[in-house]
């Protein structure tokens, strides 16, 4: 990891924790705010721990882009949770049989950048 990449990752990590500290739930209720703050912190720690051994600059850049997109979407919609995505028809069918390989490919292609790591962690 280059020094510039390391600085970008650390800057992003600090930004997430500052965001969690100032986060206010859209409902305005204290318990919702506390739950959402906890979710933000837990999600950040989990993903950063999962990706701490990455060495490929392209993969690190993808993770940074995903994190930045999730921050911006969370701020815009005032929800810390990943937004649902539109999957093509039959996109959520079970993965049984050989004929569904194309459906699996479509599912991967339709997944936006801010959800690349969501299924791996959840």
PDB file of N, CA and C in Angstrom:
ATOM      1  N   UNK A   1       0.858  -1.169   0.000  1.00  0.00           N
ATOM      2  CA  UNK A   1       0.000   0.000   0.000  1.00  0.00           C
ATOM      3  C   UNK A   1       0.902   1.230   0.000  1.00  0.00           C
ATOM      4  N   UNK A   2       0.636   2.128  -0.905  1.00  0.00           N
ATOM      5  CA  UNK A   2       1.442   3.346  -0.964  1.00  0.00           C
ATOM      6  C   UNK A   2       1.061   4.288   0.174  1.00  0.00           C
ATOM      7  N   UNK A   3       1.926   5.247   0.402  1.00  0.00           N
ATOM      8  CA  UNK A   3       1.671   6.204   1.476  1.00  0.00           C
ATOM      9  C   UNK A   3       0.408   7.015   1.207  1.00  0.00           C
ATOM     10  N   UNK A   4       0.214   7.410  -0.052  1.00  0.00           N
ATOM     11  CA  UNK A   4      -0.982   8.196  -0.403  1.00  0.00           C
ATOM     12  C   UNK A   4      -2.253   7.368  -0.184  1.00  0.00           C
ATOM     13  N   UNK A   5      -2.215   6.098  -0.563  1.00  0.00           N
ATOM     14  CA  UNK A   5      -3.373   5.230  -0.368  1.00  0.00           C
ATOM     15  C   UNK A   5      -3.651   5.035   1.112  1.00  0.00           C
ATOM     16  N   UNK A   6      -2.591   4.842   1.880  1.00  0.00           N
ATOM     17  CA  UNK A   6      -2.752   4.670   3.333  1.00  0.00           C
ATOM     18  C   UNK A   6      -3.379   5.910   3.951  1.00  0.00           C
ATOM     19  N   UNK A   7      -2.944   7.081   3.520  1.00  0.00           N
ATOM     20  CA  UNK A   7      -3.516   8.330   4.038  1.00  0.00           C
ATOM     21  C   UNK A   7      -4.985   8.454   3.654  1.00  0.00           C
ATOM     22  N   UNK A   8      -5.319   8.052   2.435  1.00  0.00           N
ATOM     23  CA  UNK A   8      -6.730   8.098   2.002  1.00  0.00           C
ATOM     24  C   UNK A   8      -7.602   7.182   2.852  1.00  0.00           C
ATOM     25  N   UNK A   9      -7.094   5.980   3.142  1.00  0.00           N
ATOM     26  CA  UNK A   9      -7.849   5.025   3.948  1.00  0.00           C
ATOM     27  C   UNK A   9      -8.032   5.558   5.366  1.00  0.00           C
ATOM     28  N   UNK A  10      -6.970   6.083   5.958  1.00  0.00           N
ATOM     29  CA  UNK A  10      -7.071   6.624   7.316  1.00  0.00           C
ATOM     30  C   UNK A  10      -7.995   7.837   7.374  1.00  0.00           C
ATOM     31  N   UNK A  11      -7.939   8.668   6.351  1.00  0.00           N
ATOM     32  CA  UNK A  11      -8.820   9.843   6.284  1.00  0.00           C
ATOM     33  C   UNK A  11     -10.280   9.406   6.203  1.00  0.00           C
ATOM     34  N   UNK A  12     -10.527   8.366   5.418  1.00  0.00           N
ATOM     35  CA  UNK A  12     -11.878   7.834   5.283  1.00  0.00           C
ATOM     36  C   UNK A  12     -12.364   7.226   6.595  1.00  0.00           C
ATOM     37  N   UNK A  13     -11.496   6.514   7.286  1.00  0.00           N
ATOM     38  CA  UNK A  13     -11.835   5.895   8.572  1.00  0.00           C
ATOM     39  C   UNK A  13     -12.208   6.967   9.595  1.00  0.00           C
ATOM     40  N   UNK A  14     -11.417   8.022   9.650  1.00  0.00           N
ATOM     41  CA  UNK A  14     -11.730   9.126  10.574  1.00  0.00           C
ATOM     42  C   UNK A  14     -13.037   9.808  10.186  1.00  0.00           C
ATOM     43  N   UNK A  15     -13.270   9.954   8.881  1.00  0.00           N
ATOM     44  CA  UNK A  15     -14.504  10.588   8.420  1.00  0.00           C
ATOM     45  C   UNK A  15     -15.726   9.789   8.860  1.00  0.00           C
ATOM     46  N   UNK A  16     -15.643   8.474   8.786  1.00  0.00           N
ATOM     47  CA  UNK A  16     -16.756   7.623   9.200  1.00  0.00           C
ATOM     48  C   UNK A  16     -17.032   7.789  10.691  1.00  0.00           C
ATOM     49  N   UNK A  17     -15.974   7.812  11.497  1.00  0.00           N
ATOM     50  CA  UNK A  17     -16.184   7.932  12.936  1.00  0.00           C
ATOM     51  C   UNK A  17     -16.710   9.315  13.322  1.00  0.00           C
ATOM     52  N   UNK A  18     -16.282  10.345  12.610  1.00  0.00           N
ATOM     53  CA  UNK A  18     -16.854  11.680  12.851  1.00  0.00           C
ATOM     54  C   UNK A  18     -18.326  11.704  12.458  1.00  0.00           C
ATOM     55  N   UNK A  19     -18.644  11.071  11.337  1.00  0.00           N
ATOM     56  CA  UNK A  19     -20.031  10.986  10.878  1.00  0.00           C
ATOM     57  C   UNK A  19     -20.892  10.266  11.908  1.00  0.00           C
ATOM     58  N   UNK A  20     -20.393   9.170  12.452  1.00  0.00           N
ATOM     59  CA  UNK A  20     -21.155   8.415  13.460  1.00  0.00           C
ATOM     60  C   UNK A  20     -21.366   9.248  14.717  1.00  0.00           C
ATOM     61  N   UNK A  21     -20.375  10.021  15.084  1.00  0.00           N
ATOM     62  CA  UNK A  21     -20.500  10.856  16.291  1.00  0.00           C
ATOM     63  C   UNK A  21     -21.590  11.918  16.127  1.00  0.00           C
ATOM     64  N   UNK A  22     -21.712  12.483  14.913  1.00  0.00           N
ATOM     65  CA  UNK A  22     -22.685  13.554  14.679  1.00  0.00           C
ATOM     66  C   UNK A  22     -24.007  13.064  14.108  1.00  0.00           C
ATOM     67  N   UNK A  23     -24.161  11.762  13.889  1.00  0.00           N
ATOM     68  CA  UNK A  23     -25.337  11.211  13.211  1.00  0.00           C
ATOM     69  C   UNK A  23     -26.609  11.465  14.002  1.00  0.00           C
ATOM     70  N   UNK A  24     -27.666  11.868  13.302  1.00  0.00           N
ATOM     71  CA  UNK A  24     -29.001  12.030  13.865  1.00  0.00           C
ATOM     72  C   UNK A  24     -29.963  11.222  13.003  1.00  0.00           C
ATOM     73  N   UNK A  25     -30.760  10.405  13.637  1.00  0.00           N
ATOM     74  CA  UNK A  25     -31.738   9.600  12.905  1.00  0.00           C
ATOM     75  C   UNK A  25     -32.798  10.500  12.290  1.00  0.00           C
ATOM     76  N   UNK A  26     -33.330  10.080  11.160  1.00  0.00           N
ATOM     77  CA  UNK A  26     -34.370  10.866  10.485  1.00  0.00           C
ATOM     78  C   UNK A  26     -35.628  10.961  11.333  1.00  0.00           C
ATOM     79  N   UNK A  27     -35.865   9.955  12.160  1.00  0.00           N
ATOM     80  CA  UNK A  27     -37.060   9.974  13.009  1.00  0.00           C
ATOM     81  C   UNK A  27     -36.903  10.951  14.175  1.00  0.00           C
ATOM     82  N   UNK A  28     -35.676  11.283  14.527  1.00  0.00           N
ATOM     83  CA  UNK A  28     -35.431  12.216  15.625  1.00  0.00           C
ATOM     84  C   UNK A  28     -35.486  11.580  17.000  1.00  0.00           C
ATOM     85  N   UNK A  29     -35.751  10.287  17.080  1.00  0.00           N
ATOM     86  CA  UNK A  29     -35.835   9.615  18.368  1.00  0.00           C
ATOM     87  C   UNK A  29     -34.441   9.175  18.815  1.00  0.00           C
ATOM     88  N   UNK A  30     -34.199   9.302  20.103  1.00  0.00           N
ATOM     89  CA  UNK A  30     -32.888   9.001  20.654  1.00  0.00           C
ATOM     90  C   UNK A  30     -32.465   7.558  20.491  1.00  0.00           C
ATOM     91  N   UNK A  31     -33.402   6.631  20.662  1.00  0.00           N
ATOM     92  CA  UNK A  31     -33.030   5.213  20.547  1.00  0.00           C
ATOM     93  C   UNK A  31     -32.718   4.830  19.110  1.00  0.00           C
ATOM     94  N   UNK A  32     -33.411   5.441  18.136  1.00  0.00           N
ATOM     95  CA  UNK A  32     -33.092   5.192  16.728  1.00  0.00           C
ATOM     96  C   UNK A  32     -31.711   5.749  16.394  1.00  0.00           C
ATOM     97  N   UNK A  33     -31.422   6.936  16.911  1.00  0.00           N
ATOM     98  CA  UNK A  33     -30.120   7.545  16.679  1.00  0.00           C
ATOM     99  C   UNK A  33     -29.012   6.666  17.243  1.00  0.00           C
ATOM    100  N   UNK A  34     -29.176   6.185  18.445  1.00  0.00           N
ATOM    101  CA  UNK A  34     -28.154   5.340  19.073  1.00  0.00           C
ATOM    102  C   UNK A  34     -27.967   4.038  18.291  1.00  0.00           C
ATOM    103  N   UNK A  35     -29.068   3.437  17.842  1.00  0.00           N
ATOM    104  CA  UNK A  35     -28.991   2.195  17.072  1.00  0.00           C
ATOM    105  C   UNK A  35     -28.281   2.424  15.744  1.00  0.00           C
ATOM    106  N   UNK A  36     -28.590   3.529  15.076  1.00  0.00           N
ATOM    107  CA  UNK A  36     -27.971   3.816  13.785  1.00  0.00           C
ATOM    108  C   UNK A  36     -26.487   4.161  13.944  1.00  0.00           C
ATOM    109  N   UNK A  37     -26.147   4.881  14.999  1.00  0.00           N
ATOM    110  CA  UNK A  37     -24.733   5.169  15.264  1.00  0.00           C
ATOM    111  C   UNK A  37     -23.960   3.883  15.489  1.00  0.00           C
ATOM    112  N   UNK A  38     -24.546   2.987  16.265  1.00  0.00           N
ATOM    113  CA  UNK A  38     -23.896   1.704  16.537  1.00  0.00           C
ATOM    114  C   UNK A  38     -23.719   0.904  15.251  1.00  0.00           C
ATOM    115  N   UNK A  39     -24.724   0.934  14.376  1.00  0.00           N
ATOM    116  CA  UNK A  39     -24.632   0.226  13.107  1.00  0.00           C
ATOM    117  C   UNK A  39     -23.489   0.781  12.258  1.00  0.00           C
ATOM    118  N   UNK A  40     -23.386   2.099  12.181  1.00  0.00           N
ATOM    119  CA  UNK A  40     -22.322   2.726  11.390  1.00  0.00           C
ATOM    120  C   UNK A  40     -20.953   2.292  11.899  1.00  0.00           C
ATOM    121  N   UNK A  41     -20.761   2.355  13.202  1.00  0.00           N
ATOM    122  CA  UNK A  41     -19.470   1.986  13.786  1.00  0.00           C
ATOM    123  C   UNK A  41     -19.171   0.502  13.572  1.00  0.00           C
ATOM    124  N   UNK A  42     -20.157  -0.347  13.792  1.00  0.00           N
ATOM    125  CA  UNK A  42     -19.960  -1.784  13.634  1.00  0.00           C
ATOM    126  C   UNK A  42     -19.650  -2.139  12.176  1.00  0.00           C
ATOM    127  N   UNK A  43     -20.379  -1.557  11.255  1.00  0.00           N
ATOM    128  CA  UNK A  43     -20.170  -1.828   9.833  1.00  0.00           C
ATOM    129  C   UNK A  43     -18.781  -1.364   9.394  1.00  0.00           C
ATOM    130  N   UNK A  44     -18.369  -0.188   9.846  1.00  0.00           N
ATOM    131  CA  UNK A  44     -17.046   0.325   9.484  1.00  0.00           C
ATOM    132  C   UNK A  44     -15.950  -0.580  10.032  1.00  0.00           C
ATOM    133  N   UNK A  45     -16.056  -0.938  11.283  1.00  0.00           N
ATOM    134  CA  UNK A  45     -15.027  -1.803  11.883  1.00  0.00           C
ATOM    135  C   UNK A  45     -14.958  -3.151  11.175  1.00  0.00           C
ATOM    136  N   UNK A  46     -16.109  -3.727  10.889  1.00  0.00           N
ATOM    137  CA  UNK A  46     -16.144  -5.034  10.235  1.00  0.00           C
ATOM    138  C   UNK A  46     -15.494  -4.982   8.862  1.00  0.00           C
ATOM    139  N   UNK A  47     -15.876  -3.988   8.058  1.00  0.00           N
ATOM    140  CA  UNK A  47     -15.333  -3.910   6.700  1.00  0.00           C
ATOM    141  C   UNK A  47     -13.852  -3.540   6.693  1.00  0.00           C
ATOM    142  N   UNK A  48     -13.435  -2.645   7.567  1.00  0.00           N
ATOM    143  CA  UNK A  48     -12.022  -2.284   7.605  1.00  0.00           C
ATOM    144  C   UNK A  48     -11.182  -3.460   8.092  1.00  0.00           C
ATOM    145  N   UNK A  49     -11.674  -4.230   9.067  1.00  0.00           N
ATOM    146  CA  UNK A  49     -10.947  -5.416   9.527  1.00  0.00           C
ATOM    147  C   UNK A  49     -10.871  -6.472   8.420  1.00  0.00           C
ATOM    148  N   UNK A  50     -11.962  -6.636   7.695  1.00  0.00           N
ATOM    149  CA  UNK A  50     -11.994  -7.619   6.615  1.00  0.00           C
ATOM    150  C   UNK A  50     -10.998  -7.276   5.516  1.00  0.00           C
ATOM    151  N   UNK A  51     -10.840  -5.999   5.240  1.00  0.00           N
ATOM    152  CA  UNK A  51      -9.998  -5.564   4.120  1.00  0.00           C
ATOM    153  C   UNK A  51      -8.619  -5.081   4.536  1.00  0.00           C
ATOM    154  N   UNK A  52      -8.223  -5.289   5.777  1.00  0.00           N
ATOM    155  CA  UNK A  52      -6.952  -4.727   6.240  1.00  0.00           C
ATOM    156  C   UNK A  52      -5.735  -5.369   5.589  1.00  0.00           C
ATOM    157  N   UNK A  53      -5.870  -6.566   5.046  1.00  0.00           N
ATOM    158  CA  UNK A  53      -4.725  -7.240   4.432  1.00  0.00           C
ATOM    159  C   UNK A  53      -4.663  -7.084   2.918  1.00  0.00           C
ATOM    160  N   UNK A  54      -5.504  -6.245   2.358  1.00  0.00           N
ATOM    161  CA  UNK A  54      -5.467  -6.021   0.910  1.00  0.00           C
ATOM    162  C   UNK A  54      -4.168  -5.319   0.538  1.00  0.00           C
ATOM    163  N   UNK A  55      -3.566  -5.759  -0.550  1.00  0.00           N
ATOM    164  CA  UNK A  55      -2.335  -5.122  -1.018  1.00  0.00           C
ATOM    165  C   UNK A  55      -2.478  -4.585  -2.440  1.00  0.00           C
ATOM    166  N   UNK A  56      -3.434  -5.106  -3.188  1.00  0.00           N
ATOM    167  CA  UNK A  56      -3.636  -4.663  -4.559  1.00  0.00           C
ATOM    168  C   UNK A  56      -4.247  -3.263  -4.561  1.00  0.00           C
ATOM    169  N   UNK A  57      -3.590  -2.341  -5.232  1.00  0.00           N
ATOM    170  CA  UNK A  57      -4.031  -0.947  -5.250  1.00  0.00           C
ATOM    171  C   UNK A  57      -5.413  -0.794  -5.882  1.00  0.00           C
ATOM    172  N   UNK A  58      -5.710  -1.594  -6.905  1.00  0.00           N
ATOM    173  CA  UNK A  58      -7.024  -1.501  -7.551  1.00  0.00           C
ATOM    174  C   UNK A  58      -8.142  -1.941  -6.608  1.00  0.00           C
ATOM    175  N   UNK A  59      -7.925  -3.014  -5.867  1.00  0.00           N
ATOM    176  CA  UNK A  59      -8.935  -3.469  -4.911  1.00  0.00           C
ATOM    177  C   UNK A  59      -9.125  -2.452  -3.791  1.00  0.00           C
ATOM    178  N   UNK A  60      -8.037  -1.859  -3.335  1.00  0.00           N
ATOM    179  CA  UNK A  60      -8.132  -0.838  -2.294  1.00  0.00           C
ATOM    180  C   UNK A  60      -8.917   0.352  -2.815  1.00  0.00           C
ATOM    181  N   UNK A  61      -8.666   0.747  -4.045  1.00  0.00           N
ATOM    182  CA  UNK A  61      -9.387   1.867  -4.657  1.00  0.00           C
ATOM    183  C   UNK A  61     -10.879   1.550  -4.766  1.00  0.00           C
ATOM    184  N   UNK A  62     -11.230   0.303  -5.120  1.00  0.00           N
ATOM    185  CA  UNK A  62     -12.634  -0.081  -5.193  1.00  0.00           C
ATOM    186  C   UNK A  62     -13.300   0.004  -3.819  1.00  0.00           C
ATOM    187  N   UNK A  63     -12.586  -0.433  -2.791  1.00  0.00           N
ATOM    188  CA  UNK A  63     -13.139  -0.362  -1.430  1.00  0.00           C
ATOM    189  C   UNK A  63     -13.329   1.096  -0.997  1.00  0.00           C
ATOM    190  N   UNK A  64     -12.382   1.951  -1.348  1.00  0.00           N
ATOM    191  CA  UNK A  64     -12.499   3.375  -1.019  1.00  0.00           C
ATOM    192  C   UNK A  64     -13.697   3.978  -1.743  1.00  0.00           C
ATOM    193  N   UNK A  65     -13.864   3.633  -3.016  1.00  0.00           N
ATOM    194  CA  UNK A  65     -15.005   4.141  -3.788  1.00  0.00           C
ATOM    195  C   UNK A  65     -16.327   3.664  -3.205  1.00  0.00           C
ATOM    196  N   UNK A  66     -16.368   2.392  -2.797  1.00  0.00           N
ATOM    197  CA  UNK A  66     -17.584   1.856  -2.193  1.00  0.00           C
ATOM    198  C   UNK A  66     -17.913   2.589  -0.895  1.00  0.00           C
ATOM    199  N   UNK A  67     -16.912   2.800  -0.081  1.00  0.00           N
ATOM    200  CA  UNK A  67     -17.130   3.472   1.199  1.00  0.00           C
ATOM    201  C   UNK A  67     -17.600   4.910   0.987  1.00  0.00           C
ATOM    202  N   UNK A  68     -16.970   5.593   0.071  1.00  0.00           N
ATOM    203  CA  UNK A  68     -17.364   6.980  -0.220  1.00  0.00           C
ATOM    204  C   UNK A  68     -18.801   7.029  -0.734  1.00  0.00           C
ATOM    205  N   UNK A  69     -19.165   6.095  -1.603  1.00  0.00           N
ATOM    206  CA  UNK A  69     -20.535   6.058  -2.132  1.00  0.00           C
ATOM    207  C   UNK A  69     -21.541   5.792  -1.014  1.00  0.00           C
ATOM    208  N   UNK A  70     -21.207   4.872  -0.105  1.00  0.00           N
ATOM    209  CA  UNK A  70     -22.131   4.575   1.002  1.00  0.00           C
ATOM    210  C   UNK A  70     -22.286   5.771   1.930  1.00  0.00           C
ATOM    211  N   UNK A  71     -21.210   6.510   2.145  1.00  0.00           N
ATOM    212  CA  UNK A  71     -21.296   7.714   2.980  1.00  0.00           C
ATOM    213  C   UNK A  71     -22.209   8.739   2.327  1.00  0.00           C
ATOM    214  N   UNK A  72     -21.988   9.005   1.060  1.00  0.00           N
ATOM    215  CA  UNK A  72     -22.780  10.016   0.357  1.00  0.00           C
ATOM    216  C   UNK A  72     -24.254   9.624   0.275  1.00  0.00           C
ATOM    217  N   UNK A  73     -24.531   8.367   0.011  1.00  0.00           N
ATOM    218  CA  UNK A  73     -25.922   7.912  -0.052  1.00  0.00           C
ATOM    219  C   UNK A  73     -26.570   7.998   1.326  1.00  0.00           C
ATOM    220  N   UNK A  74     -25.823   7.612   2.353  1.00  0.00           N
ATOM    221  CA  UNK A  74     -26.348   7.696   3.715  1.00  0.00           C
ATOM    222  C   UNK A  74     -26.667   9.122   4.119  1.00  0.00           C
ATOM    223  N   UNK A  75     -25.788  10.045   3.763  1.00  0.00           N
ATOM    224  CA  UNK A  75     -26.040  11.450   4.084  1.00  0.00           C
ATOM    225  C   UNK A  75     -27.219  12.002   3.295  1.00  0.00           C
ATOM    226  N   UNK A  76     -27.318  11.617   2.034  1.00  0.00           N
ATOM    227  CA  UNK A  76     -28.391  12.144   1.197  1.00  0.00           C
ATOM    228  C   UNK A  76     -29.765  11.649   1.658  1.00  0.00           C
ATOM    229  N   UNK A  77     -29.876  10.341   1.882  1.00  0.00           N
ATOM    230  CA  UNK A  77     -31.162   9.762   2.249  1.00  0.00           C
ATOM    231  C   UNK A  77     -31.396   9.705   3.759  1.00  0.00           C
ATOM    232  N   UNK A  78     -30.393  10.065   4.520  1.00  0.00           N
ATOM    233  CA  UNK A  78     -30.434  10.065   5.982  1.00  0.00           C
ATOM    234  C   UNK A  78     -30.755   8.685   6.554  1.00  0.00           C
ATOM    235  N   UNK A  79     -30.173   7.664   5.929  1.00  0.00           N
ATOM    236  CA  UNK A  79     -30.254   6.306   6.468  1.00  0.00           C
ATOM    237  C   UNK A  79     -28.856   5.688   6.368  1.00  0.00           C
ATOM    238  N   UNK A  80     -28.397   5.018   7.407  1.00  0.00           N
ATOM    239  CA  UNK A  80     -27.067   4.430   7.340  1.00  0.00           C
ATOM    240  C   UNK A  80     -27.029   3.061   6.665  1.00  0.00           C
ATOM    241  N   UNK A  81     -28.184   2.471   6.435  1.00  0.00           N
ATOM    242  CA  UNK A  81     -28.249   1.125   5.897  1.00  0.00           C
ATOM    243  C   UNK A  81     -28.151   1.155   4.377  1.00  0.00           C
ATOM    244  N   UNK A  82     -27.640   0.083   3.766  1.00  0.00           N
ATOM    245  CA  UNK A  82     -27.567   0.055   2.299  1.00  0.00           C
ATOM    246  C   UNK A  82     -28.954   0.124   1.683  1.00  0.00           C
ATOM    247  N   UNK A  83     -29.072   0.879   0.611  1.00  0.00           N
ATOM    248  CA  UNK A  83     -30.352   1.001  -0.072  1.00  0.00           C
ATOM    249  C   UNK A  83     -30.601  -0.222  -0.927  1.00  0.00           C
ATOM    250  N   UNK A  84     -31.865  -0.632  -1.041  1.00  0.00           N
ATOM    251  CA  UNK A  84     -32.167  -1.785  -1.897  1.00  0.00           C
ATOM    252  C   UNK A  84     -31.872  -1.455  -3.357  1.00  0.00           C
ATOM    253  N   UNK A  85     -31.618  -2.467  -4.116  1.00  0.00           N
ATOM    254  CA  UNK A  85     -31.295  -2.275  -5.525  1.00  0.00           C
ATOM    255  C   UNK A  85     -32.346  -2.945  -6.386  1.00  0.00           C
ATOM    256  N   UNK A  86     -32.403  -2.528  -7.641  1.00  0.00           N
ATOM    257  CA  UNK A  86     -33.301  -3.169  -8.595  1.00  0.00           C
ATOM    258  C   UNK A  86     -32.556  -4.338  -9.214  1.00  0.00           C
ATOM    259  N   UNK A  87     -33.115  -5.519  -9.063  1.00  0.00           N
ATOM    260  CA  UNK A  87     -32.545  -6.692  -9.705  1.00  0.00           C
ATOM    261  C   UNK A  87     -33.395  -7.050 -10.908  1.00  0.00           C
ATOM    262  N   UNK A  88     -32.780  -7.599 -11.931  1.00  0.00           N
ATOM    263  CA  UNK A  88     -33.555  -7.988 -13.108  1.00  0.00           C
ATOM    264  C   UNK A  88     -34.554  -9.090 -12.747  1.00  0.00           C
ATOM    265  N   UNK A  89     -35.586  -9.282 -13.568  1.00  0.00           N
ATOM    266  CA  UNK A  89     -36.546 -10.351 -13.305  1.00  0.00           C
ATOM    267  C   UNK A  89     -35.828 -11.687 -13.123  1.00  0.00           C
ATOM    268  N   UNK A  90     -36.310 -12.484 -12.204  1.00  0.00           N
ATOM    269  CA  UNK A  90     -35.715 -13.770 -11.872  1.00  0.00           C
ATOM    270  C   UNK A  90     -34.342 -13.604 -11.210  1.00  0.00           C
ATOM    271  N   UNK A  91     -34.010 -12.407 -10.813  1.00  0.00           N
ATOM    272  CA  UNK A  91     -32.701 -12.150 -10.227  1.00  0.00           C
ATOM    273  C   UNK A  91     -32.547 -12.716  -8.834  1.00  0.00           C
ATOM    274  N   UNK A  92     -33.626 -12.997  -8.164  1.00  0.00           N
ATOM    275  CA  UNK A  92     -33.547 -13.538  -6.815  1.00  0.00           C
ATOM    276  C   UNK A  92     -33.979 -14.990  -6.732  1.00  0.00           C
ATOM    277  N   UNK A  93     -33.987 -15.674  -7.864  1.00  0.00           N
ATOM    278  CA  UNK A  93     -34.363 -17.080  -7.837  1.00  0.00           C
ATOM    279  C   UNK A  93     -33.264 -17.892  -7.170  1.00  0.00           C
ATOM    280  N   UNK A  94     -33.626 -19.073  -6.725  1.00  0.00           N
ATOM    281  CA  UNK A  94     -32.613 -19.926  -6.101  1.00  0.00           C
ATOM    282  C   UNK A  94     -31.579 -20.319  -7.151  1.00  0.00           C
ATOM    283  N   UNK A  95     -30.388 -20.614  -6.688  1.00  0.00           N
ATOM    284  CA  UNK A  95     -29.297 -20.884  -7.612  1.00  0.00           C
ATOM    285  C   UNK A  95     -29.184 -22.374  -7.951  1.00  0.00           C
ATOM    286  N   UNK A  96     -30.298 -23.067  -8.054  1.00  0.00           N
ATOM    287  CA  UNK A  96     -30.310 -24.478  -8.424  1.00  0.00           C
ATOM    288  C   UNK A  96     -30.357 -24.606  -9.935  1.00  0.00           C
ATOM    289  N   UNK A  97     -29.700 -25.603 -10.435  1.00  0.00           N
ATOM    290  CA  UNK A  97     -29.774 -25.894 -11.860  1.00  0.00           C
ATOM    291  C   UNK A  97     -28.737 -25.143 -12.667  1.00  0.00           C
ATOM    292  N   UNK A  98     -28.511 -25.636 -13.865  1.00  0.00           N
ATOM    293  CA  UNK A  98     -27.506 -25.042 -14.731  1.00  0.00           C
ATOM    294  C   UNK A  98     -28.033 -23.814 -15.463  1.00  0.00           C
ATOM    295  N   UNK A  99     -29.322 -23.750 -15.689  1.00  0.00           N
ATOM    296  CA  UNK A  99     -29.895 -22.660 -16.460  1.00  0.00           C
ATOM    297  C   UNK A  99     -29.866 -21.325 -15.750  1.00  0.00           C
ATOM    298  N   UNK A 100     -29.519 -21.324 -14.477  1.00  0.00           N
ATOM    299  CA  UNK A 100     -29.550 -20.074 -13.725  1.00  0.00           C
ATOM    300  C   UNK A 100     -28.192 -19.389 -13.624  1.00  0.00           C
ATOM    301  N   UNK A 101     -27.207 -19.908 -14.340  1.00  0.00           N
ATOM    302  CA  UNK A 101     -25.893 -19.253 -14.326  1.00  0.00           C
ATOM    303  C   UNK A 101     -25.972 -17.850 -14.908  1.00  0.00           C
ATOM    304  N   UNK A 102     -26.784 -17.692 -15.928  1.00  0.00           N
ATOM    305  CA  UNK A 102     -26.940 -16.360 -16.512  1.00  0.00           C
ATOM    306  C   UNK A 102     -27.617 -15.415 -15.525  1.00  0.00           C
ATOM    307  N   UNK A 103     -28.542 -15.952 -14.710  1.00  0.00           N
ATOM    308  CA  UNK A 103     -29.189 -15.122 -13.696  1.00  0.00           C
ATOM    309  C   UNK A 103     -28.180 -14.665 -12.646  1.00  0.00           C
ATOM    310  N   UNK A 104     -27.261 -15.549 -12.275  1.00  0.00           N
ATOM    311  CA  UNK A 104     -26.226 -15.181 -11.314  1.00  0.00           C
ATOM    312  C   UNK A 104     -25.324 -14.095 -11.891  1.00  0.00           C
ATOM    313  N   UNK A 105     -25.016 -14.208 -13.171  1.00  0.00           N
ATOM    314  CA  UNK A 105     -24.198 -13.192 -13.831  1.00  0.00           C
ATOM    315  C   UNK A 105     -24.928 -11.848 -13.867  1.00  0.00           C
ATOM    316  N   UNK A 106     -26.220 -11.873 -14.185  1.00  0.00           N
ATOM    317  CA  UNK A 106     -27.014 -10.640 -14.198  1.00  0.00           C
ATOM    318  C   UNK A 106     -27.069 -10.001 -12.818  1.00  0.00           C
ATOM    319  N   UNK A 107     -27.193 -10.834 -11.782  1.00  0.00           N
ATOM    320  CA  UNK A 107     -27.235 -10.329 -10.414  1.00  0.00           C
ATOM    321  C   UNK A 107     -25.938  -9.586 -10.069  1.00  0.00           C
ATOM    322  N   UNK A 108     -24.809 -10.171 -10.448  1.00  0.00           N
ATOM    323  CA  UNK A 108     -23.517  -9.534 -10.167  1.00  0.00           C
ATOM    324  C   UNK A 108     -23.350  -8.242 -10.953  1.00  0.00           C
ATOM    325  N   UNK A 109     -23.826  -8.234 -12.204  1.00  0.00           N
ATOM    326  CA  UNK A 109     -23.697  -7.040 -13.027  1.00  0.00           C
ATOM    327  C   UNK A 109     -24.590  -5.898 -12.544  1.00  0.00           C
ATOM    328  N   UNK A 110     -25.725  -6.231 -11.949  1.00  0.00           N
ATOM    329  CA  UNK A 110     -26.664  -5.187 -11.544  1.00  0.00           C
ATOM    330  C   UNK A 110     -26.353  -4.620 -10.164  1.00  0.00           C
ATOM    331  N   UNK A 111     -25.401  -5.193  -9.464  1.00  0.00           N
ATOM    332  CA  UNK A 111     -25.086  -4.741  -8.110  1.00  0.00           C
ATOM    333  C   UNK A 111     -24.277  -3.442  -8.171  1.00  0.00           C
ATOM    334  N   UNK A 112     -24.753  -2.375  -7.547  1.00  0.00           N
ATOM    335  CA  UNK A 112     -24.025  -1.102  -7.585  1.00  0.00           C
ATOM    336  C   UNK A 112     -22.779  -1.138  -6.701  1.00  0.00           C
ATOM    337  N   UNK A 113     -21.924  -0.149  -6.881  1.00  0.00           N
ATOM    338  CA  UNK A 113     -20.635  -0.116  -6.198  1.00  0.00           C
ATOM    339  C   UNK A 113     -20.792  -0.056  -4.684  1.00  0.00           C
ATOM    340  N   UNK A 114     -21.842   0.540  -4.182  1.00  0.00           N
ATOM    341  CA  UNK A 114     -21.976   0.698  -2.743  1.00  0.00           C
ATOM    342  C   UNK A 114     -22.452  -0.574  -2.046  1.00  0.00           C
ATOM    343  N   UNK A 115     -22.712  -1.625  -2.793  1.00  0.00           N
ATOM    344  CA  UNK A 115     -23.152  -2.886  -2.177  1.00  0.00           C
ATOM    345  C   UNK A 115     -22.213  -4.054  -2.459  1.00  0.00           C
ATOM    346  N   UNK A 116     -21.035  -3.800  -2.974  1.00  0.00           N
ATOM    347  CA  UNK A 116     -20.122  -4.887  -3.354  1.00  0.00           C
ATOM    348  C   UNK A 116     -19.783  -5.776  -2.170  1.00  0.00           C
ATOM    349  N   UNK A 117     -19.583  -5.231  -0.996  1.00  0.00           N
ATOM    350  CA  UNK A 117     -19.179  -6.030   0.158  1.00  0.00           C
ATOM    351  C   UNK A 117     -20.339  -6.362   1.090  1.00  0.00           C
ATOM    352  N   UNK A 118     -21.523  -5.934   0.791  1.00  0.00           N
ATOM    353  CA  UNK A 118     -22.639  -6.106   1.715  1.00  0.00           C
ATOM    354  C   UNK A 118     -22.990  -7.563   1.961  1.00  0.00           C
ATOM    355  N   UNK A 119     -23.089  -8.392   0.924  1.00  0.00           N
ATOM    356  CA  UNK A 119     -23.451  -9.794   1.083  1.00  0.00           C
ATOM    357  C   UNK A 119     -22.357 -10.581   1.782  1.00  0.00           C
ATOM    358  N   UNK A 120     -21.102 -10.180   1.600  1.00  0.00           N
ATOM    359  CA  UNK A 120     -19.993 -10.897   2.214  1.00  0.00           C
ATOM    360  C   UNK A 120     -19.991 -10.722   3.729  1.00  0.00           C
ATOM    361  N   UNK A 121     -20.451  -9.574   4.211  1.00  0.00           N
ATOM    362  CA  UNK A 121     -20.430  -9.279   5.643  1.00  0.00           C
ATOM    363  C   UNK A 121     -21.710  -9.717   6.319  1.00  0.00           C
ATOM    364  N   UNK A 122     -22.850  -9.478   5.686  1.00  0.00           N
ATOM    365  CA  UNK A 122     -24.157  -9.742   6.299  1.00  0.00           C
ATOM    366  C   UNK A 122     -24.420 -11.197   6.514  1.00  0.00           C
TER     367      UNK A 122
END
